[in-house]
Amino acid sequence: MSFNDVADSKENPFPGQLFNKPTDAGVKGVDVNAGCKVDYEGKDVTAEKIVKVLQGDATAGGKVLKSDKNSKVFFYFADHGAPGLLGTPTGKYLYAD
């Protein structure tokens, strides 16, 4: 999942590319978007879709986890939320219970 608003922004001088840190003059940066296969992008990144993917619910409309009680899943999501709140780019937020 990636909202990808920076890589695809008209203000990005490197369309479709994303660099996570500046480099010294003459040193080529690393495009962290290169080679990424994004299954859910833009407005498809919603709290509802995240829950469906994590629960293995095929109604998400794309790839979902096929894990069981013995699986170890690491989920990382970066946003501008707050403790107990996951702020998705579109739609409702996801709150901790």
C-alpha atoms as a PDB file:
ATOM      1  CA  MET A   1       0.000   0.000   0.000  1.00  0.00           C
ATOM      2  CA  SER A   2       1.253   3.411  -0.900  1.00  0.00           C
ATOM      3  CA  PHE A   3      -0.621   6.643  -1.373  1.00  0.00           C
ATOM      4  CA  ASN A   4       2.290   7.677  -3.619  1.00  0.00           C
ATOM      5  CA  ASP A   5       1.267  11.323  -3.652  1.00  0.00           C
ATOM      6  CA  VAL A   6       4.860  12.588  -3.548  1.00  0.00           C
ATOM      7  CA  ALA A   7       6.231  10.435  -6.367  1.00  0.00           C
ATOM      8  CA  ASP A   8       3.322  11.358  -8.626  1.00  0.00           C
ATOM      9  CA  SER A   9       3.091  15.038  -7.623  1.00  0.00           C
ATOM     10  CA  LYS A  10       3.396  17.639 -10.376  1.00  0.00           C
ATOM     11  CA  GLU A  11       5.811  19.431  -8.032  1.00  0.00           C
ATOM     12  CA  ASN A  12       8.223  16.470  -8.010  1.00  0.00           C
ATOM     13  CA  PRO A  13      11.188  17.299 -10.267  1.00  0.00           C
ATOM     14  CA  PHE A  14      11.740  13.531 -10.719  1.00  0.00           C
ATOM     15  CA  PRO A  15       8.305  12.214 -11.857  1.00  0.00           C
ATOM     16  CA  GLY A  16       7.508   8.764 -10.516  1.00  0.00           C
ATOM     17  CA  GLN A  17      10.657   8.655  -8.412  1.00  0.00           C
ATOM     18  CA  LEU A  18      11.023   9.040  -4.666  1.00  0.00           C
ATOM     19  CA  PHE A  19      14.199   9.738  -2.706  1.00  0.00           C
ATOM     20  CA  ASN A  20      14.221   9.487   1.091  1.00  0.00           C
ATOM     21  CA  LYS A  21      17.305  11.627   1.729  1.00  0.00           C
ATOM     22  CA  PRO A  22      19.488  14.164  -0.043  1.00  0.00           C
ATOM     23  CA  THR A  23      22.898  13.136  -1.329  1.00  0.00           C
ATOM     24  CA  ASP A  24      26.140  15.009  -1.829  1.00  0.00           C
ATOM     25  CA  ALA A  25      26.702  16.687  -5.192  1.00  0.00           C
ATOM     26  CA  GLY A  26      27.663  14.084  -7.771  1.00  0.00           C
ATOM     27  CA  VAL A  27      26.390  11.168  -5.681  1.00  0.00           C
ATOM     28  CA  LYS A  28      23.431   9.387  -7.246  1.00  0.00           C
ATOM     29  CA  GLY A  29      20.458   9.067  -4.938  1.00  0.00           C
ATOM     30  CA  VAL A  30      18.514   5.868  -4.352  1.00  0.00           C
ATOM     31  CA  ASP A  31      14.992   5.846  -5.801  1.00  0.00           C
ATOM     32  CA  VAL A  32      13.057   3.997  -3.086  1.00  0.00           C
ATOM     33  CA  ASN A  33      10.110   3.645  -5.480  1.00  0.00           C
ATOM     34  CA  ALA A  34      12.113   1.696  -8.082  1.00  0.00           C
ATOM     35  CA  GLY A  35      11.060  -1.920  -8.368  1.00  0.00           C
ATOM     36  CA  CYS A  36       8.150  -1.570  -5.924  1.00  0.00           C
ATOM     37  CA  LYS A  37       4.979  -3.411  -6.861  1.00  0.00           C
ATOM     38  CA  VAL A  38       2.151  -1.502  -5.208  1.00  0.00           C
ATOM     39  CA  ASP A  39      -1.104  -3.445  -4.883  1.00  0.00           C
ATOM     40  CA  TYR A  40      -3.170  -0.648  -3.329  1.00  0.00           C
ATOM     41  CA  GLU A  41      -2.404   2.944  -4.257  1.00  0.00           C
ATOM     42  CA  GLY A  42      -3.910   6.405  -3.955  1.00  0.00           C
ATOM     43  CA  LYS A  43      -7.563   6.471  -2.952  1.00  0.00           C
ATOM     44  CA  ASP A  44      -7.537   2.671  -2.468  1.00  0.00           C
ATOM     45  CA  VAL A  45      -5.525   3.148   0.743  1.00  0.00           C
ATOM     46  CA  THR A  46      -8.332   3.273   3.305  1.00  0.00           C
ATOM     47  CA  ALA A  47      -8.761   2.051   6.884  1.00  0.00           C
ATOM     48  CA  GLU A  48     -11.385  -0.436   5.702  1.00  0.00           C
ATOM     49  CA  LYS A  49      -9.043  -1.847   3.047  1.00  0.00           C
ATOM     50  CA  ILE A  50      -6.143  -2.123   5.505  1.00  0.00           C
ATOM     51  CA  VAL A  51      -8.268  -4.168   7.903  1.00  0.00           C
ATOM     52  CA  LYS A  52      -9.486  -6.431   5.085  1.00  0.00           C
ATOM     53  CA  VAL A  53      -5.932  -7.042   3.853  1.00  0.00           C
ATOM     54  CA  LEU A  54      -4.689  -7.856   7.364  1.00  0.00           C
ATOM     55  CA  GLN A  55      -7.648 -10.168   8.048  1.00  0.00           C
ATOM     56  CA  GLY A  56      -7.277 -11.996   4.730  1.00  0.00           C
ATOM     57  CA  ASP A  57     -10.674 -10.798   3.472  1.00  0.00           C
ATOM     58  CA  ALA A  58     -10.743 -11.349  -0.303  1.00  0.00           C
ATOM     59  CA  THR A  59     -13.417  -8.670  -0.716  1.00  0.00           C
ATOM     60  CA  ALA A  60     -10.545  -6.156  -0.462  1.00  0.00           C
ATOM     61  CA  GLY A  61     -10.291  -6.506  -4.225  1.00  0.00           C
ATOM     62  CA  GLY A  62      -6.603  -7.425  -4.446  1.00  0.00           C
ATOM     63  CA  LYS A  63      -3.917  -9.278  -2.563  1.00  0.00           C
ATOM     64  CA  VAL A  64      -4.579 -10.077   1.097  1.00  0.00           C
ATOM     65  CA  LEU A  65      -2.596 -11.866   3.798  1.00  0.00           C
ATOM     66  CA  LYS A  66      -2.999 -15.609   3.957  1.00  0.00           C
ATOM     67  CA  SER A  67      -1.770 -15.996   7.489  1.00  0.00           C
ATOM     68  CA  ASP A  68      -2.974 -18.075  10.401  1.00  0.00           C
ATOM     69  CA  LYS A  69      -2.589 -18.090  14.180  1.00  0.00           C
ATOM     70  CA  ASN A  70       1.012 -19.322  13.818  1.00  0.00           C
ATOM     71  CA  SER A  71       2.077 -16.544  11.464  1.00  0.00           C
ATOM     72  CA  LYS A  72       4.230 -13.613  12.479  1.00  0.00           C
ATOM     73  CA  VAL A  73       3.135 -10.442  10.700  1.00  0.00           C
ATOM     74  CA  PHE A  74       4.965  -7.116  10.864  1.00  0.00           C
ATOM     75  CA  PHE A  75       2.822  -4.170   9.798  1.00  0.00           C
ATOM     76  CA  TYR A  76       4.399  -0.746   9.347  1.00  0.00           C
ATOM     77  CA  PHE A  77       2.420   2.330   8.354  1.00  0.00           C
ATOM     78  CA  ALA A  78       3.828   5.855   8.404  1.00  0.00           C
ATOM     79  CA  ASP A  79       1.408   8.755   8.738  1.00  0.00           C
ATOM     80  CA  HIS A  80       0.741  11.961  10.619  1.00  0.00           C
ATOM     81  CA  GLY A  81      -1.621  10.372  13.126  1.00  0.00           C
ATOM     82  CA  ALA A  82      -1.475  10.325  16.897  1.00  0.00           C
ATOM     83  CA  PRO A  83      -1.291   7.660  19.609  1.00  0.00           C
ATOM     84  CA  GLY A  84      -4.079   5.153  18.962  1.00  0.00           C
ATOM     85  CA  LEU A  85      -4.930   6.667  15.583  1.00  0.00           C
ATOM     86  CA  LEU A  86      -3.885   5.598  12.111  1.00  0.00           C
ATOM     87  CA  GLY A  87      -4.640   8.363   9.638  1.00  0.00           C
ATOM     88  CA  THR A  88      -5.279   7.040   6.148  1.00  0.00           C
ATOM     89  CA  PRO A  89      -5.015   9.305   3.087  1.00  0.00           C
ATOM     90  CA  THR A  90      -8.703   8.988   2.258  1.00  0.00           C
ATOM     91  CA  GLY A  91     -11.795   7.971   4.166  1.00  0.00           C
ATOM     92  CA  LYS A  92     -12.191   7.313   7.862  1.00  0.00           C
ATOM     93  CA  TYR A  93      -9.342   6.861  10.329  1.00  0.00           C
ATOM     94  CA  LEU A  94      -8.495   3.614  12.070  1.00  0.00           C
ATOM     95  CA  TYR A  95      -8.581   3.802  15.867  1.00  0.00           C
ATOM     96  CA  ALA A  96      -7.050   1.467  18.473  1.00  0.00           C
ATOM     97  CA  ASP A  97      -9.514  -0.241  20.779  1.00  0.00           C
END
